[in-house]
Amino acid sequence: MTISIHHTIKKEENVMISSINRSAVIITPKQTFFNMVANITGEQPDKSVPPFTTDESTIYLIEEAHLDDLDLKERMELCYKNIFFEELDGWFTDKNRWPKDITWKEFTSYFHISYQSMVIDTLDEDIKYE
């Protein structure tokens, strides 16, 4: 995967800050997500989260936003299901017991979504993928 750099700004001596051609969504599970996991596992939820907690959030890079882009639902149409199953896998790995599908309405009932149009890379080194 290649990430193209849009512009580079020299902020301090030898420190470059660059924007990259991605936008980001910060996905934070709501209590309804943990309740759903508990229903699948048959166990009481061991997690209780206040709204918009930051300790369980995950940042996903998505297609870069442009001024004429569609709404968030349409922009995430190709990735929200993958994000859902990635999040679920972090809490419960028995895929045979997972929901077979998820709708956008269900997804938004399980997660708070914070959209970020600008992604800035503050390091002057290659990104490594795991």
N, C-alpha and C. Protein backbone atom coordinates (compact mmCIF):
# COMPACT_ATOMS: atom_id res chain seq x y z
N MET A 1 0.85 -1.16 0.00
CA MET A 1 0.00 0.00 0.00
C MET A 1 0.90 1.23 0.00
N THR A 2 0.62 2.18 -0.86
CA THR A 2 1.38 3.41 -0.93
C THR A 2 0.54 4.54 -0.39
N ILE A 3 1.14 5.35 0.44
CA ILE A 3 0.47 6.53 0.96
C ILE A 3 1.15 7.74 0.36
N SER A 4 0.42 8.53 -0.36
CA SER A 4 1.02 9.71 -0.96
C SER A 4 0.95 10.88 0.00
N ILE A 5 1.98 11.68 -0.04
CA ILE A 5 2.08 12.86 0.82
C ILE A 5 1.55 14.06 0.05
N HIS A 6 0.67 14.82 0.67
CA HIS A 6 0.10 15.99 0.02
C HIS A 6 0.99 17.21 0.12
N HIS A 7 1.41 17.54 1.30
CA HIS A 7 2.32 18.66 1.45
C HIS A 7 3.13 18.47 2.71
N THR A 8 4.28 19.10 2.73
CA THR A 8 5.17 18.98 3.87
C THR A 8 5.49 20.38 4.35
N ILE A 9 5.45 20.54 5.64
CA ILE A 9 5.72 21.84 6.24
C ILE A 9 6.85 21.66 7.24
N LYS A 10 7.87 22.47 7.12
CA LYS A 10 8.96 22.40 8.07
C LYS A 10 8.58 23.24 9.28
N LYS A 11 8.40 22.58 10.43
CA LYS A 11 7.97 23.26 11.64
C LYS A 11 9.15 23.66 12.52
N GLU A 12 10.04 22.73 12.75
CA GLU A 12 11.24 22.96 13.54
C GLU A 12 12.40 22.40 12.77
N GLU A 13 13.59 22.70 13.19
CA GLU A 13 14.76 22.20 12.48
C GLU A 13 14.71 20.69 12.37
N ASN A 14 14.76 20.18 11.16
CA ASN A 14 14.77 18.75 10.84
C ASN A 14 13.49 18.00 11.23
N VAL A 15 12.40 18.69 11.51
CA VAL A 15 11.14 18.03 11.83
C VAL A 15 10.13 18.39 10.75
N MET A 16 9.63 17.38 10.05
CA MET A 16 8.68 17.62 8.97
C MET A 16 7.30 17.11 9.39
N ILE A 17 6.28 17.87 9.08
CA ILE A 17 4.91 17.46 9.34
C ILE A 17 4.22 17.39 7.99
N SER A 18 3.63 16.23 7.69
CA SER A 18 3.04 16.01 6.38
C SER A 18 1.61 15.52 6.51
N SER A 19 0.73 16.02 5.66
CA SER A 19 -0.61 15.44 5.60
C SER A 19 -0.56 14.28 4.62
N ILE A 20 -1.39 13.27 4.86
CA ILE A 20 -1.41 12.11 3.98
C ILE A 20 -2.80 12.01 3.34
N ASN A 21 -2.90 11.22 2.29
CA ASN A 21 -4.14 11.13 1.52
C ASN A 21 -5.12 10.14 2.14
N ARG A 22 -5.45 10.38 3.38
CA ARG A 22 -6.45 9.59 4.10
C ARG A 22 -7.23 10.52 5.01
N SER A 23 -8.45 10.11 5.31
CA SER A 23 -9.21 10.71 6.40
C SER A 23 -9.25 9.64 7.48
N ALA A 24 -9.81 9.97 8.62
CA ALA A 24 -9.84 8.99 9.72
C ALA A 24 -11.19 9.01 10.39
N VAL A 25 -11.56 7.85 10.92
CA VAL A 25 -12.71 7.76 11.81
C VAL A 25 -12.22 7.15 13.11
N ILE A 26 -12.68 7.74 14.21
CA ILE A 26 -12.37 7.21 15.53
C ILE A 26 -13.63 6.48 15.98
N ILE A 27 -13.48 5.19 16.21
CA ILE A 27 -14.60 4.33 16.57
C ILE A 27 -14.50 4.00 18.05
N THR A 28 -15.55 4.35 18.80
CA THR A 28 -15.58 4.09 20.23
C THR A 28 -16.82 3.25 20.56
N PRO A 29 -16.63 2.07 21.13
CA PRO A 29 -17.80 1.24 21.47
C PRO A 29 -18.70 1.93 22.49
N LYS A 30 -19.99 1.76 22.28
CA LYS A 30 -20.99 2.21 23.26
C LYS A 30 -21.35 1.02 24.14
N GLN A 31 -22.07 1.28 25.20
CA GLN A 31 -22.50 0.20 26.09
C GLN A 31 -23.32 -0.85 25.32
N THR A 32 -24.08 -0.41 24.30
CA THR A 32 -24.87 -1.35 23.51
C THR A 32 -23.99 -2.39 22.82
N PHE A 33 -22.77 -2.02 22.44
CA PHE A 33 -21.84 -2.97 21.83
C PHE A 33 -21.47 -4.06 22.85
N PHE A 34 -21.11 -3.63 24.06
CA PHE A 34 -20.73 -4.61 25.09
C PHE A 34 -21.92 -5.47 25.51
N ASN A 35 -23.12 -4.91 25.49
CA ASN A 35 -24.31 -5.71 25.78
C ASN A 35 -24.54 -6.75 24.69
N MET A 36 -24.32 -6.36 23.43
CA MET A 36 -24.47 -7.29 22.31
C MET A 36 -23.45 -8.42 22.43
N VAL A 37 -22.21 -8.10 22.78
CA VAL A 37 -21.19 -9.13 22.97
C VAL A 37 -21.61 -10.07 24.10
N ALA A 38 -22.16 -9.52 25.17
CA ALA A 38 -22.63 -10.35 26.28
C ALA A 38 -23.76 -11.28 25.84
N ASN A 39 -24.65 -10.80 24.98
CA ASN A 39 -25.73 -11.65 24.46
C ASN A 39 -25.18 -12.80 23.63
N ILE A 40 -24.14 -12.54 22.86
CA ILE A 40 -23.53 -13.59 22.04
C ILE A 40 -22.83 -14.62 22.90
N THR A 41 -22.10 -14.15 23.91
CA THR A 41 -21.30 -15.05 24.73
C THR A 41 -22.11 -15.73 25.82
N GLY A 42 -23.27 -15.15 26.15
CA GLY A 42 -24.07 -15.68 27.24
C GLY A 42 -23.57 -15.27 28.61
N GLU A 43 -22.61 -14.35 28.63
CA GLU A 43 -22.04 -13.88 29.88
C GLU A 43 -22.45 -12.43 30.12
N GLN A 44 -22.44 -12.04 31.38
CA GLN A 44 -22.73 -10.66 31.70
C GLN A 44 -21.61 -9.77 31.15
N PRO A 45 -21.96 -8.58 30.70
CA PRO A 45 -20.89 -7.70 30.19
C PRO A 45 -19.90 -7.40 31.31
N ASP A 46 -18.62 -7.57 31.01
CA ASP A 46 -17.60 -7.26 32.00
C ASP A 46 -17.07 -5.85 31.82
N LYS A 47 -17.72 -5.14 30.93
CA LYS A 47 -17.26 -3.80 30.60
C LYS A 47 -18.43 -2.85 30.71
N SER A 48 -18.24 -1.79 31.43
CA SER A 48 -19.23 -0.73 31.50
C SER A 48 -18.52 0.55 31.10
N VAL A 49 -19.03 1.19 30.08
CA VAL A 49 -18.33 2.37 29.57
C VAL A 49 -19.18 3.61 29.67
N PRO A 50 -18.59 4.68 30.14
CA PRO A 50 -19.31 5.95 30.07
C PRO A 50 -19.35 6.40 28.61
N PRO A 51 -20.29 7.24 28.26
CA PRO A 51 -20.35 7.70 26.87
C PRO A 51 -19.03 8.35 26.43
N PHE A 52 -18.62 8.01 25.25
CA PHE A 52 -17.46 8.62 24.59
C PHE A 52 -16.16 8.44 25.36
N THR A 53 -16.01 7.29 26.00
CA THR A 53 -14.74 7.01 26.66
C THR A 53 -13.63 6.93 25.62
N THR A 54 -12.45 7.31 26.00
CA THR A 54 -11.36 7.31 25.04
C THR A 54 -10.45 6.09 25.15
N ASP A 55 -10.59 5.30 26.20
CA ASP A 55 -9.65 4.21 26.39
C ASP A 55 -9.92 2.98 25.53
N GLU A 56 -11.03 2.92 24.87
CA GLU A 56 -11.35 1.77 24.01
C GLU A 56 -11.52 2.16 22.55
N SER A 57 -11.08 3.33 22.17
CA SER A 57 -11.27 3.80 20.80
C SER A 57 -10.21 3.23 19.86
N THR A 58 -10.61 3.09 18.59
CA THR A 58 -9.69 2.67 17.54
C THR A 58 -9.80 3.67 16.41
N ILE A 59 -8.67 4.01 15.82
CA ILE A 59 -8.65 4.93 14.69
C ILE A 59 -8.48 4.12 13.42
N TYR A 60 -9.38 4.35 12.46
CA TYR A 60 -9.30 3.69 11.16
C TYR A 60 -9.08 4.76 10.10
N LEU A 61 -8.13 4.48 9.21
CA LEU A 61 -7.93 5.38 8.07
C LEU A 61 -8.88 4.96 6.97
N ILE A 62 -9.52 5.94 6.38
CA ILE A 62 -10.47 5.69 5.30
C ILE A 62 -10.11 6.58 4.12
N GLU A 63 -10.85 6.42 3.05
CA GLU A 63 -10.61 7.22 1.84
C GLU A 63 -10.62 8.70 2.18
N GLU A 64 -9.70 9.40 1.56
CA GLU A 64 -9.57 10.84 1.78
C GLU A 64 -10.84 11.59 1.42
N ALA A 65 -11.16 12.57 2.22
CA ALA A 65 -12.34 13.40 1.97
C ALA A 65 -12.01 14.49 0.95
N HIS A 66 -13.00 14.81 0.15
CA HIS A 66 -12.91 15.94 -0.77
C HIS A 66 -14.10 16.84 -0.51
N LEU A 67 -14.02 18.06 -0.99
CA LEU A 67 -15.06 19.03 -0.69
C LEU A 67 -16.44 18.59 -1.14
N ASP A 68 -16.52 17.81 -2.20
CA ASP A 68 -17.82 17.39 -2.73
C ASP A 68 -18.22 15.98 -2.27
N ASP A 69 -17.56 15.47 -1.22
CA ASP A 69 -17.87 14.12 -0.75
C ASP A 69 -19.29 13.99 -0.22
N LEU A 70 -19.75 12.76 -0.24
CA LEU A 70 -21.07 12.44 0.26
C LEU A 70 -21.04 12.36 1.79
N ASP A 71 -22.16 12.06 2.39
CA ASP A 71 -22.21 12.00 3.85
C ASP A 71 -21.39 10.81 4.37
N LEU A 72 -21.21 10.78 5.69
CA LEU A 72 -20.36 9.77 6.31
C LEU A 72 -20.84 8.35 6.02
N LYS A 73 -22.14 8.13 6.07
CA LYS A 73 -22.66 6.78 5.79
C LYS A 73 -22.23 6.32 4.40
N GLU A 74 -22.39 7.18 3.42
CA GLU A 74 -22.02 6.79 2.06
C GLU A 74 -20.51 6.63 1.92
N ARG A 75 -19.74 7.40 2.65
CA ARG A 75 -18.28 7.29 2.58
C ARG A 75 -17.80 6.01 3.26
N MET A 76 -18.54 5.55 4.25
CA MET A 76 -18.13 4.35 4.99
C MET A 76 -18.83 3.09 4.49
N GLU A 77 -19.61 3.20 3.45
CA GLU A 77 -20.39 2.08 2.93
C GLU A 77 -19.53 0.84 2.69
N LEU A 78 -18.32 1.01 2.22
CA LEU A 78 -17.48 -0.13 1.89
C LEU A 78 -16.69 -0.68 3.07
N CYS A 79 -16.66 0.05 4.20
CA CYS A 79 -15.79 -0.42 5.28
C CYS A 79 -16.45 -0.61 6.63
N TYR A 80 -17.68 -0.13 6.85
CA TYR A 80 -18.22 -0.20 8.20
C TYR A 80 -18.44 -1.65 8.67
N LYS A 81 -18.78 -2.55 7.77
CA LYS A 81 -18.97 -3.95 8.18
C LYS A 81 -17.63 -4.57 8.59
N ASN A 82 -16.58 -4.28 7.84
CA ASN A 82 -15.26 -4.78 8.20
C ASN A 82 -14.81 -4.21 9.55
N ILE A 83 -15.10 -2.94 9.78
CA ILE A 83 -14.76 -2.32 11.07
C ILE A 83 -15.53 -3.01 12.19
N PHE A 84 -16.82 -3.26 11.98
CA PHE A 84 -17.62 -3.93 13.00
C PHE A 84 -17.01 -5.28 13.38
N PHE A 85 -16.70 -6.09 12.38
CA PHE A 85 -16.17 -7.43 12.66
C PHE A 85 -14.76 -7.37 13.24
N GLU A 86 -13.99 -6.38 12.88
CA GLU A 86 -12.67 -6.18 13.49
C GLU A 86 -12.82 -5.84 14.97
N GLU A 87 -13.75 -4.96 15.29
CA GLU A 87 -14.00 -4.61 16.69
C GLU A 87 -14.53 -5.81 17.48
N LEU A 88 -15.44 -6.55 16.88
CA LEU A 88 -16.00 -7.73 17.55
C LEU A 88 -14.92 -8.77 17.82
N ASP A 89 -14.02 -8.94 16.88
CA ASP A 89 -12.93 -9.91 17.02
C ASP A 89 -12.03 -9.58 18.21
N GLY A 90 -11.95 -8.32 18.56
CA GLY A 90 -11.15 -7.93 19.72
C GLY A 90 -11.76 -8.35 21.05
N TRP A 91 -13.05 -8.68 21.04
CA TRP A 91 -13.75 -9.04 22.28
C TRP A 91 -14.23 -10.48 22.31
N PHE A 92 -14.46 -11.07 21.13
CA PHE A 92 -15.02 -12.42 21.07
C PHE A 92 -14.62 -13.04 19.74
N THR A 93 -13.88 -14.14 19.79
CA THR A 93 -13.29 -14.67 18.55
C THR A 93 -14.02 -15.85 17.93
N ASP A 94 -15.09 -16.34 18.54
CA ASP A 94 -15.83 -17.47 17.97
C ASP A 94 -16.72 -16.95 16.84
N LYS A 95 -16.20 -16.95 15.64
CA LYS A 95 -16.90 -16.38 14.49
C LYS A 95 -18.19 -17.12 14.15
N ASN A 96 -18.31 -18.37 14.58
CA ASN A 96 -19.54 -19.12 14.33
C ASN A 96 -20.73 -18.52 15.07
N ARG A 97 -20.47 -17.78 16.13
CA ARG A 97 -21.54 -17.19 16.93
C ARG A 97 -21.74 -15.71 16.64
N TRP A 98 -20.97 -15.17 15.73
CA TRP A 98 -21.11 -13.76 15.37
C TRP A 98 -22.39 -13.54 14.55
N PRO A 99 -22.91 -12.31 14.57
CA PRO A 99 -24.00 -11.99 13.64
C PRO A 99 -23.50 -12.20 12.20
N LYS A 100 -24.39 -12.62 11.34
CA LYS A 100 -24.01 -12.86 9.94
C LYS A 100 -23.83 -11.57 9.16
N ASP A 101 -24.53 -10.53 9.57
CA ASP A 101 -24.47 -9.26 8.85
C ASP A 101 -24.80 -8.15 9.85
N ILE A 102 -24.56 -6.93 9.44
CA ILE A 102 -24.88 -5.76 10.27
C ILE A 102 -25.31 -4.63 9.36
N THR A 103 -26.29 -3.87 9.81
CA THR A 103 -26.75 -2.71 9.05
C THR A 103 -26.05 -1.46 9.57
N TRP A 104 -26.13 -0.41 8.78
CA TRP A 104 -25.56 0.88 9.20
C TRP A 104 -26.24 1.36 10.50
N LYS A 105 -27.54 1.18 10.59
CA LYS A 105 -28.27 1.60 11.79
C LYS A 105 -27.75 0.85 13.02
N GLU A 106 -27.53 -0.46 12.88
CA GLU A 106 -26.98 -1.24 13.99
C GLU A 106 -25.58 -0.77 14.34
N PHE A 107 -24.77 -0.55 13.30
CA PHE A 107 -23.39 -0.10 13.52
C PHE A 107 -23.36 1.19 14.34
N THR A 108 -24.19 2.15 13.95
CA THR A 108 -24.19 3.43 14.67
C THR A 108 -24.81 3.30 16.06
N SER A 109 -25.59 2.26 16.31
CA SER A 109 -26.12 2.06 17.66
C SER A 109 -25.04 1.45 18.57
N TYR A 110 -24.04 0.80 17.99
CA TYR A 110 -22.97 0.16 18.76
C TYR A 110 -21.75 1.06 18.97
N PHE A 111 -21.55 2.05 18.09
CA PHE A 111 -20.33 2.83 18.14
C PHE A 111 -20.59 4.33 17.99
N HIS A 112 -19.81 5.09 18.72
CA HIS A 112 -19.73 6.53 18.47
C HIS A 112 -18.68 6.70 17.38
N ILE A 113 -18.97 7.50 16.37
CA ILE A 113 -18.05 7.72 15.25
C ILE A 113 -17.64 9.18 15.23
N SER A 114 -16.35 9.41 15.29
CA SER A 114 -15.82 10.76 15.17
C SER A 114 -15.03 10.81 13.87
N TYR A 115 -15.46 11.67 12.96
CA TYR A 115 -14.84 11.77 11.64
C TYR A 115 -13.79 12.86 11.64
N GLN A 116 -12.62 12.56 11.09
CA GLN A 116 -11.52 13.51 10.99
C GLN A 116 -11.09 13.60 9.53
N SER A 117 -11.21 14.78 8.94
CA SER A 117 -10.92 14.92 7.51
C SER A 117 -9.43 15.04 7.21
N MET A 118 -8.64 15.43 8.16
CA MET A 118 -7.22 15.65 7.92
C MET A 118 -6.41 14.68 8.78
N VAL A 119 -5.45 14.00 8.15
CA VAL A 119 -4.54 13.12 8.86
C VAL A 119 -3.14 13.66 8.64
N ILE A 120 -2.44 13.91 9.73
CA ILE A 120 -1.11 14.49 9.69
C ILE A 120 -0.10 13.50 10.23
N ASP A 121 0.98 13.31 9.50
CA ASP A 121 2.07 12.45 9.94
C ASP A 121 3.18 13.34 10.48
N THR A 122 3.48 13.21 11.76
CA THR A 122 4.49 14.07 12.39
C THR A 122 5.86 13.42 12.43
N LEU A 123 5.99 12.21 11.93
CA LEU A 123 7.28 11.52 11.95
C LEU A 123 7.90 11.50 10.58
N ASP A 124 9.19 11.58 10.54
CA ASP A 124 9.92 11.56 9.28
C ASP A 124 10.51 10.16 9.06
N GLU A 125 9.61 9.16 9.03
CA GLU A 125 10.00 7.79 8.77
C GLU A 125 8.85 7.06 8.11
N ASP A 126 9.18 5.96 7.45
CA ASP A 126 8.16 5.19 6.74
C ASP A 126 7.14 4.60 7.71
N ILE A 127 5.92 4.45 7.25
CA ILE A 127 4.89 3.78 8.00
C ILE A 127 5.08 2.27 7.82
N LYS A 128 5.01 1.53 8.91
CA LYS A 128 5.16 0.07 8.85
C LYS A 128 3.81 -0.56 9.07
N TYR A 129 3.50 -1.57 8.29
CA TYR A 129 2.23 -2.28 8.39
C TYR A 129 2.45 -3.62 9.04
N GLU A 130 1.54 -3.99 9.95
CA GLU A 130 1.64 -5.29 10.63
C GLU A 130 0.72 -6.28 10.00
